[in-house]
Amino acid sequence: DPMSLFVPLCLCGSPLQSLSISVAARLRCVLCGEKSFFSFRDFRGHSFYYFSYFSVPYQGENNMPYLKIQTNVTTADSSANSADEKAILTRIAAGIAAQLGKPERYMMGAIDTGCTLVFGGSDEPAAFVELKGIGLPEARAAELSEALCSSISTELGIPPDRIYIVFADIPRALWGWNGGTF
């Protein structure tokens, strides 16, 4: 029986090593660390196995988005790490995780209320927000901005026109986790 098999290679030309195998395997380049998918197709009726490789941005569970909110608004209980602030941050972060298609358990967030913050010469309620992540989709920035402004306005009473948001797509090699990088 003929068997068709090839070793998938990274764009850098190095072989990929298996991270896990199921219907599609997660692979990582042994040299540059780039992660990709490898799909298996079994054509047993034709008496051979066909393996097809395609490189796509790795959307694995390790792509942890980070959300940071700084505001001059004070919550009802504005003590450090208050339950009120945690609840507000959790609701906003959960909404953004859903927008990004990421499980909430991989979303990291921070909120800093009661900051000295002036926007347009006024200390009326305002916020500065940062959303960072690996593979953050630039094409969806407007959609994410709308979702963040809506959530922050609802949760903290800040008008959307007093919220600045910075989006940052961080290269894998510059995002550390668990003693390494992605």
Foldseek 3Di string as FASTA:
>chain_A
DDEDDDFDADPVGAGWDFPDDDQKTWTAGPPPGQIAIKGWDQPVVVPYTDTDGDGDHDPDQQWAKEKEKEKLFADPDNDPPDPLVVVLFLVLLCQLCVVVVHPSVRYHYYYHYNDQDDDPNDNPIAMEMEIETAPDDPVCVVVSLVSNQVSCCVSRVHHSVRYHYHYYHDHQQPDDDDHHTD
